[in-house]
Amino acid sequence: MPRAVRERQMLDAAVRTFGQRGYRAASMDEIAELAGVSKPLVYLYLNSKEELFSACIRREAAALVAAVREGASGASGASRASGVSGGAEASVPAADRQLWDGLRAFFTHTAERPDGWAVLHSQARTQGEPFAAEVAAMREEIVSFVTSLIAEAARSAHGDPSLPDREVAGLAQALVGAAESLAGWANVEGTVSAKEAAATLMNFAWAGLGGLMEGRRWVPSSPL
């Protein structure tokens, strides 16, 4: 069997084990058995439990970032008319749809790979360096991407090239943090779809809490 295929099997087994049992409780024996290989072969390929866990973090982080970017890039560059239900519709730039597509891709990915999300969101952050640093780097990449989407939407909507970067960066940090918490809750709840989770956060981010209290919601002009 090609080395790449064998490594993928080992990483699949490791992500499942780490995600379900936790880093401390997971054993190399269990991972090797689940992967269908010998424990010495796991050590030959990935050297140690620590390096195996790091490899899992890097793979799952790269997959999540790629999913979000790919999801957001599916939106058309042309402006779409979007509005808020219960009030007058406004012309909003395509970045609102990009943000929606990115959020939906995020929640779809975390729902389809709950063990990978557990590794990133629950396990890696609590095991100290260098694991926490790996996740922090992934998070900063996503925050940077979301920052650009928010800045594009706001500047296009208001025609203000001097929108404070610090304010946009703060909004991106808040949005990513909310998405992380919501994904954890949705995976535990088990009955919340990716579309529902994305709509919840999009309504909160775009319509605002005040708007939601008044019955106004974010509504795209084109079908989702």
C-alpha atoms as a PDB file:
ATOM      1  CA  MET A   1       0.000   0.000   0.000  1.00  0.00           C
ATOM      2  CA  PRO A   2       1.385   3.472  -0.870  1.00  0.00           C
ATOM      3  CA  ARG A   3       2.804   5.392   2.070  1.00  0.00           C
ATOM      4  CA  ALA A   4       0.353   8.295   1.596  1.00  0.00           C
ATOM      5  CA  VAL A   5      -2.626   5.953   1.791  1.00  0.00           C
ATOM      6  CA  ARG A   6      -1.252   4.214   4.868  1.00  0.00           C
ATOM      7  CA  GLU A   7      -0.610   7.553   6.587  1.00  0.00           C
ATOM      8  CA  ARG A   8      -4.118   8.717   5.790  1.00  0.00           C
ATOM      9  CA  GLN A   9      -5.523   5.563   7.409  1.00  0.00           C
ATOM     10  CA  MET A  10      -3.436   6.199  10.508  1.00  0.00           C
ATOM     11  CA  LEU A  11      -4.498   9.841  10.697  1.00  0.00           C
ATOM     12  CA  ASP A  12      -8.154   8.911  10.194  1.00  0.00           C
ATOM     13  CA  ALA A  13      -7.916   6.471  13.085  1.00  0.00           C
ATOM     14  CA  ALA A  14      -6.012   8.952  15.236  1.00  0.00           C
ATOM     15  CA  VAL A  15      -8.490  11.795  14.659  1.00  0.00           C
ATOM     16  CA  ARG A  16     -11.380   9.511  15.557  1.00  0.00           C
ATOM     17  CA  THR A  17      -9.642   8.274  18.701  1.00  0.00           C
ATOM     18  CA  PHE A  18      -8.379  11.660  19.875  1.00  0.00           C
ATOM     19  CA  GLY A  19     -11.716  13.287  19.095  1.00  0.00           C
ATOM     20  CA  GLN A  20     -13.793  10.729  20.981  1.00  0.00           C
ATOM     21  CA  ARG A  21     -11.485   9.768  23.851  1.00  0.00           C
ATOM     22  CA  GLY A  22      -9.307  12.825  24.271  1.00  0.00           C
ATOM     23  CA  TYR A  23      -5.565  13.200  23.868  1.00  0.00           C
ATOM     24  CA  ARG A  24      -4.593  11.840  27.286  1.00  0.00           C
ATOM     25  CA  ALA A  25      -6.870   8.810  27.212  1.00  0.00           C
ATOM     26  CA  ALA A  26      -6.094   7.807  23.630  1.00  0.00           C
ATOM     27  CA  SER A  27      -3.502   5.066  23.233  1.00  0.00           C
ATOM     28  CA  MET A  28      -1.231   4.239  20.331  1.00  0.00           C
ATOM     29  CA  ASP A  29      -2.357   0.612  20.606  1.00  0.00           C
ATOM     30  CA  GLU A  30      -5.971   1.646  20.056  1.00  0.00           C
ATOM     31  CA  ILE A  31      -5.060   3.893  17.126  1.00  0.00           C
ATOM     32  CA  ALA A  32      -2.969   1.184  15.472  1.00  0.00           C
ATOM     33  CA  GLU A  33      -5.751  -1.383  15.878  1.00  0.00           C
ATOM     34  CA  LEU A  34      -8.342   0.979  14.418  1.00  0.00           C
ATOM     35  CA  ALA A  35      -6.053   1.754  11.483  1.00  0.00           C
ATOM     36  CA  GLY A  36      -5.406  -1.944  10.888  1.00  0.00           C
ATOM     37  CA  VAL A  37      -1.633  -1.678  11.314  1.00  0.00           C
ATOM     38  CA  SER A  38       0.943  -2.569  13.938  1.00  0.00           C
ATOM     39  CA  LYS A  39       1.933  -0.074  16.617  1.00  0.00           C
ATOM     40  CA  PRO A  40       5.603  -0.141  15.513  1.00  0.00           C
ATOM     41  CA  LEU A  41       4.466   0.933  12.042  1.00  0.00           C
ATOM     42  CA  VAL A  42       2.642   3.936  13.499  1.00  0.00           C
ATOM     43  CA  TYR A  43       5.826   4.927  15.330  1.00  0.00           C
ATOM     44  CA  LEU A  44       7.869   4.354  12.162  1.00  0.00           C
ATOM     45  CA  TYR A  45       5.662   6.734  10.186  1.00  0.00           C
ATOM     46  CA  LEU A  46       4.859   9.351  12.823  1.00  0.00           C
ATOM     47  CA  ASN A  47       7.536   8.914  15.521  1.00  0.00           C
ATOM     48  CA  SER A  48       5.487   9.615  18.665  1.00  0.00           C
ATOM     49  CA  LYS A  49       2.040  10.262  20.049  1.00  0.00           C
ATOM     50  CA  GLU A  50       2.834  13.979  20.196  1.00  0.00           C
ATOM     51  CA  GLU A  51       3.846  14.122  16.529  1.00  0.00           C
ATOM     52  CA  LEU A  52       0.825  12.077  15.544  1.00  0.00           C
ATOM     53  CA  PHE A  53      -1.458  14.507  17.383  1.00  0.00           C
ATOM     54  CA  SER A  54       0.280  17.476  15.744  1.00  0.00           C
ATOM     55  CA  ALA A  55      -0.185  15.874  12.332  1.00  0.00           C
ATOM     56  CA  CYS A  56      -3.894  15.432  13.075  1.00  0.00           C
ATOM     57  CA  ILE A  57      -4.226  19.086  14.077  1.00  0.00           C
ATOM     58  CA  ARG A  58      -2.449  20.309  10.939  1.00  0.00           C
ATOM     59  CA  ARG A  59      -4.551  18.122   8.652  1.00  0.00           C
ATOM     60  CA  GLU A  60      -7.879  19.046  10.220  1.00  0.00           C
ATOM     61  CA  ALA A  61      -6.965  22.738  10.378  1.00  0.00           C
ATOM     62  CA  ALA A  62      -5.965  22.817   6.708  1.00  0.00           C
ATOM     63  CA  ALA A  63      -9.159  21.015   5.721  1.00  0.00           C
ATOM     64  CA  LEU A  64     -11.344  23.448   7.675  1.00  0.00           C
ATOM     65  CA  VAL A  65      -9.663  26.548   6.258  1.00  0.00           C
ATOM     66  CA  ALA A  66      -9.899  25.148   2.739  1.00  0.00           C
ATOM     67  CA  ALA A  67     -13.610  24.366   3.201  1.00  0.00           C
ATOM     68  CA  VAL A  68     -14.404  27.897   4.383  1.00  0.00           C
ATOM     69  CA  ARG A  69     -12.435  29.536   1.581  1.00  0.00           C
ATOM     70  CA  GLU A  70     -13.954  27.269  -1.040  1.00  0.00           C
ATOM     71  CA  GLY A  71     -17.444  27.873   0.303  1.00  0.00           C
ATOM     72  CA  ALA A  72     -17.070  31.644   0.268  1.00  0.00           C
ATOM     73  CA  SER A  73     -15.473  31.683  -3.171  1.00  0.00           C
ATOM     74  CA  GLY A  74     -18.592  30.080  -4.641  1.00  0.00           C
ATOM     75  CA  ALA A  75     -20.492  33.371  -4.373  1.00  0.00           C
ATOM     76  CA  SER A  76     -20.787  35.518  -7.475  1.00  0.00           C
ATOM     77  CA  GLY A  77     -18.808  38.727  -7.589  1.00  0.00           C
ATOM     78  CA  ALA A  78     -21.884  40.618  -8.762  1.00  0.00           C
ATOM     79  CA  SER A  79     -23.949  42.506  -6.221  1.00  0.00           C
ATOM     80  CA  ARG A  80     -27.102  40.903  -4.939  1.00  0.00           C
ATOM     81  CA  ALA A  81     -30.063  42.753  -3.518  1.00  0.00           C
ATOM     82  CA  SER A  82     -30.563  41.543   0.016  1.00  0.00           C
ATOM     83  CA  GLY A  83     -32.651  42.962   2.766  1.00  0.00           C
ATOM     84  CA  VAL A  84     -34.127  42.438   6.152  1.00  0.00           C
ATOM     85  CA  SER A  85     -37.567  40.885   6.416  1.00  0.00           C
ATOM     86  CA  GLY A  86     -40.191  43.068   7.992  1.00  0.00           C
ATOM     87  CA  GLY A  87     -38.627  46.254   6.685  1.00  0.00           C
ATOM     88  CA  ALA A  88     -37.478  47.953   3.528  1.00  0.00           C
ATOM     89  CA  GLU A  89     -35.031  45.949   1.428  1.00  0.00           C
ATOM     90  CA  ALA A  90     -31.598  47.403   0.881  1.00  0.00           C
ATOM     91  CA  SER A  91     -28.968  46.809  -1.723  1.00  0.00           C
ATOM     92  CA  VAL A  92     -26.184  44.861  -0.043  1.00  0.00           C
ATOM     93  CA  PRO A  93     -22.939  43.816  -1.774  1.00  0.00           C
ATOM     94  CA  ALA A  94     -22.126  40.234  -2.693  1.00  0.00           C
ATOM     95  CA  ALA A  95     -19.921  39.966   0.376  1.00  0.00           C
ATOM     96  CA  ASP A  96     -22.994  39.239   2.509  1.00  0.00           C
ATOM     97  CA  ARG A  97     -23.616  36.149   0.409  1.00  0.00           C
ATOM     98  CA  GLN A  98     -19.920  35.277   0.590  1.00  0.00           C
ATOM     99  CA  LEU A  99     -20.139  35.482   4.356  1.00  0.00           C
ATOM    100  CA  TRP A 100     -23.247  33.290   4.328  1.00  0.00           C
ATOM    101  CA  ASP A 101     -21.595  30.726   2.046  1.00  0.00           C
ATOM    102  CA  GLY A 102     -18.477  30.732   4.208  1.00  0.00           C
ATOM    103  CA  LEU A 103     -20.486  30.212   7.399  1.00  0.00           C
ATOM    104  CA  ARG A 104     -22.539  27.440   5.867  1.00  0.00           C
ATOM    105  CA  ALA A 105     -19.352  25.731   4.648  1.00  0.00           C
ATOM    106  CA  PHE A 106     -17.887  26.039   8.153  1.00  0.00           C
ATOM    107  CA  PHE A 107     -20.894  24.458   9.864  1.00  0.00           C
ATOM    108  CA  THR A 108     -21.221  21.771   7.192  1.00  0.00           C
ATOM    109  CA  HIS A 109     -17.577  20.812   7.602  1.00  0.00           C
ATOM    110  CA  THR A 110     -17.657  20.719  11.400  1.00  0.00           C
ATOM    111  CA  ALA A 111     -20.865  18.658  11.335  1.00  0.00           C
ATOM    112  CA  GLU A 112     -19.457  16.168   8.831  1.00  0.00           C
ATOM    113  CA  ARG A 113     -16.165  15.862  10.734  1.00  0.00           C
ATOM    114  CA  PRO A 114     -17.160  16.089  14.407  1.00  0.00           C
ATOM    115  CA  ASP A 115     -14.073  14.218  15.590  1.00  0.00           C
ATOM    116  CA  GLY A 116     -11.816  16.577  13.676  1.00  0.00           C
ATOM    117  CA  TRP A 117     -13.636  19.564  15.150  1.00  0.00           C
ATOM    118  CA  ALA A 118     -13.296  18.074  18.638  1.00  0.00           C
ATOM    119  CA  VAL A 119      -9.547  17.720  18.067  1.00  0.00           C
ATOM    120  CA  LEU A 120      -9.275  21.381  17.050  1.00  0.00           C
ATOM    121  CA  HIS A 121     -11.794  23.009  19.343  1.00  0.00           C
ATOM    122  CA  SER A 122     -11.609  20.908  22.515  1.00  0.00           C
ATOM    123  CA  GLN A 123      -8.434  18.849  22.606  1.00  0.00           C
ATOM    124  CA  ALA A 124      -5.628  20.851  21.018  1.00  0.00           C
ATOM    125  CA  ARG A 125      -6.393  24.034  22.928  1.00  0.00           C
ATOM    126  CA  THR A 126      -6.205  22.329  26.308  1.00  0.00           C
ATOM    127  CA  GLN A 127      -2.981  20.365  25.846  1.00  0.00           C
ATOM    128  CA  GLY A 128      -0.535  23.276  25.878  1.00  0.00           C
ATOM    129  CA  GLU A 129       2.172  24.119  23.387  1.00  0.00           C
ATOM    130  CA  PRO A 130       2.824  23.405  20.587  1.00  0.00           C
ATOM    131  CA  PHE A 131      -0.692  22.104  19.999  1.00  0.00           C
ATOM    132  CA  ALA A 132      -2.454  25.304  21.008  1.00  0.00           C
ATOM    133  CA  ALA A 133      -0.179  27.291  18.705  1.00  0.00           C
ATOM    134  CA  GLU A 134      -1.212  25.155  15.726  1.00  0.00           C
ATOM    135  CA  VAL A 135      -4.889  25.912  16.355  1.00  0.00           C
ATOM    136  CA  ALA A 136      -4.186  29.590  17.002  1.00  0.00           C
ATOM    137  CA  ALA A 137      -2.504  29.872  13.602  1.00  0.00           C
ATOM    138  CA  MET A 138      -5.515  28.297  11.907  1.00  0.00           C
ATOM    139  CA  ARG A 139      -7.887  30.599  13.752  1.00  0.00           C
ATOM    140  CA  GLU A 140      -5.931  33.692  12.773  1.00  0.00           C
ATOM    141  CA  GLU A 141      -6.092  32.658   9.132  1.00  0.00           C
ATOM    142  CA  ILE A 142      -9.866  32.310   9.311  1.00  0.00           C
ATOM    143  CA  VAL A 143     -10.202  35.598  11.221  1.00  0.00           C
ATOM    144  CA  SER A 144      -8.109  37.361   8.582  1.00  0.00           C
ATOM    145  CA  PHE A 145     -10.315  35.971   5.831  1.00  0.00           C
ATOM    146  CA  VAL A 146     -13.540  36.947   7.616  1.00  0.00           C
ATOM    147  CA  THR A 147     -12.081  40.403   8.275  1.00  0.00           C
ATOM    148  CA  SER A 148     -11.631  40.917   4.553  1.00  0.00           C
ATOM    149  CA  LEU A 149     -15.219  39.825   3.868  1.00  0.00           C
ATOM    150  CA  ILE A 150     -16.670  42.175   6.482  1.00  0.00           C
ATOM    151  CA  ALA A 151     -14.508  45.070   5.294  1.00  0.00           C
ATOM    152  CA  GLU A 152     -15.537  44.508   1.692  1.00  0.00           C
ATOM    153  CA  ALA A 153     -19.229  44.370   2.602  1.00  0.00           C
ATOM    154  CA  ALA A 154     -19.144  47.452   4.812  1.00  0.00           C
ATOM    155  CA  ARG A 155     -17.096  49.583   2.471  1.00  0.00           C
ATOM    156  CA  SER A 156     -19.180  48.643  -0.535  1.00  0.00           C
ATOM    157  CA  ALA A 157     -22.408  49.329   1.330  1.00  0.00           C
ATOM    158  CA  HIS A 158     -21.356  52.695   2.730  1.00  0.00           C
ATOM    159  CA  GLY A 159     -18.744  53.812   0.209  1.00  0.00           C
ATOM    160  CA  ASP A 160     -16.398  54.678   3.044  1.00  0.00           C
ATOM    161  CA  PRO A 161     -12.786  53.647   2.385  1.00  0.00           C
ATOM    162  CA  SER A 162     -11.784  54.951   5.823  1.00  0.00           C
ATOM    163  CA  LEU A 163     -13.746  52.386   7.830  1.00  0.00           C
ATOM    164  CA  PRO A 164     -11.627  51.715  10.955  1.00  0.00           C
ATOM    165  CA  ASP A 165      -9.645  48.530  10.500  1.00  0.00           C
ATOM    166  CA  ARG A 166      -9.651  47.917  14.244  1.00  0.00           C
ATOM    167  CA  GLU A 167     -13.437  47.894  14.345  1.00  0.00           C
ATOM    168  CA  VAL A 168     -13.634  45.466  11.416  1.00  0.00           C
ATOM    169  CA  ALA A 169     -11.024  43.199  13.029  1.00  0.00           C
ATOM    170  CA  GLY A 170     -13.007  43.184  16.276  1.00  0.00           C
ATOM    171  CA  LEU A 171     -16.192  42.200  14.466  1.00  0.00           C
ATOM    172  CA  ALA A 172     -14.344  39.360  12.722  1.00  0.00           C
ATOM    173  CA  GLN A 173     -12.968  38.084  16.032  1.00  0.00           C
ATOM    174  CA  ALA A 174     -16.451  38.142  17.541  1.00  0.00           C
ATOM    175  CA  LEU A 175     -18.012  36.393  14.548  1.00  0.00           C
ATOM    176  CA  VAL A 176     -15.413  33.612  14.466  1.00  0.00           C
ATOM    177  CA  GLY A 177     -15.710  33.102  18.213  1.00  0.00           C
ATOM    178  CA  ALA A 178     -19.487  32.862  17.923  1.00  0.00           C
ATOM    179  CA  ALA A 179     -19.169  30.377  15.041  1.00  0.00           C
ATOM    180  CA  GLU A 180     -16.849  28.178  17.098  1.00  0.00           C
ATOM    181  CA  SER A 181     -19.215  28.103  20.049  1.00  0.00           C
ATOM    182  CA  LEU A 182     -22.246  27.520  17.855  1.00  0.00           C
ATOM    183  CA  ALA A 183     -20.536  24.622  16.056  1.00  0.00           C
ATOM    184  CA  GLY A 184     -19.750  22.961  19.371  1.00  0.00           C
ATOM    185  CA  TRP A 185     -23.341  23.371  20.510  1.00  0.00           C
ATOM    186  CA  ALA A 186     -24.794  22.176  17.180  1.00  0.00           C
ATOM    187  CA  ASN A 187     -22.663  19.019  17.231  1.00  0.00           C
ATOM    188  CA  VAL A 188     -23.749  18.180  20.775  1.00  0.00           C
ATOM    189  CA  GLU A 189     -27.398  19.043  20.095  1.00  0.00           C
ATOM    190  CA  GLY A 190     -27.414  16.809  17.034  1.00  0.00           C
ATOM    191  CA  THR A 191     -30.622  18.233  15.570  1.00  0.00           C
ATOM    192  CA  VAL A 192     -29.323  21.556  14.246  1.00  0.00           C
ATOM    193  CA  SER A 193     -28.479  21.548  10.545  1.00  0.00           C
ATOM    194  CA  ALA A 194     -25.561  23.450   9.050  1.00  0.00           C
ATOM    195  CA  LYS A 195     -28.023  25.736   7.275  1.00  0.00           C
ATOM    196  CA  GLU A 196     -29.874  26.486  10.520  1.00  0.00           C
ATOM    197  CA  ALA A 197     -26.639  27.231  12.384  1.00  0.00           C
ATOM    198  CA  ALA A 198     -25.404  29.490   9.596  1.00  0.00           C
ATOM    199  CA  ALA A 199     -28.768  31.292   9.433  1.00  0.00           C
ATOM    200  CA  THR A 200     -28.738  31.851  13.192  1.00  0.00           C
ATOM    201  CA  LEU A 201     -25.320  33.464  13.084  1.00  0.00           C
ATOM    202  CA  MET A 202     -26.011  35.386   9.872  1.00  0.00           C
ATOM    203  CA  ASN A 203     -29.170  36.850  11.365  1.00  0.00           C
ATOM    204  CA  PHE A 204     -27.324  37.826  14.512  1.00  0.00           C
ATOM    205  CA  ALA A 205     -24.406  39.313  12.593  1.00  0.00           C
ATOM    206  CA  TRP A 206     -26.281  41.002   9.772  1.00  0.00           C
ATOM    207  CA  ALA A 207     -29.696  41.913  11.184  1.00  0.00           C
ATOM    208  CA  GLY A 208     -28.406  42.439  14.705  1.00  0.00           C
ATOM    209  CA  LEU A 209     -29.967  41.516  18.029  1.00  0.00           C
ATOM    210  CA  GLY A 210     -32.185  44.581  17.976  1.00  0.00           C
ATOM    211  CA  GLY A 211     -33.463  43.707  14.522  1.00  0.00           C
ATOM    212  CA  LEU A 212     -34.191  40.133  15.552  1.00  0.00           C
ATOM    213  CA  MET A 213     -36.189  41.345  18.539  1.00  0.00           C
ATOM    214  CA  GLU A 214     -38.287  43.401  16.134  1.00  0.00           C
ATOM    215  CA  GLY A 215     -38.833  40.437  13.812  1.00  0.00           C
ATOM    216  CA  ARG A 216     -36.401  41.523  11.098  1.00  0.00           C
ATOM    217  CA  ARG A 217     -34.103  38.921   9.566  1.00  0.00           C
ATOM    218  CA  TRP A 218     -31.431  38.752   6.892  1.00  0.00           C
ATOM    219  CA  VAL A 219     -32.978  37.582   3.625  1.00  0.00           C
ATOM    220  CA  PRO A 220     -31.061  37.083   0.364  1.00  0.00           C
ATOM    221  CA  SER A 221     -32.833  37.818  -2.886  1.00  0.00           C
ATOM    222  CA  SER A 222     -31.647  34.565  -4.465  1.00  0.00           C
ATOM    223  CA  PRO A 223     -32.576  31.103  -3.140  1.00  0.00           C
ATOM    224  CA  LEU A 224     -30.098  29.579  -0.676  1.00  0.00           C
END
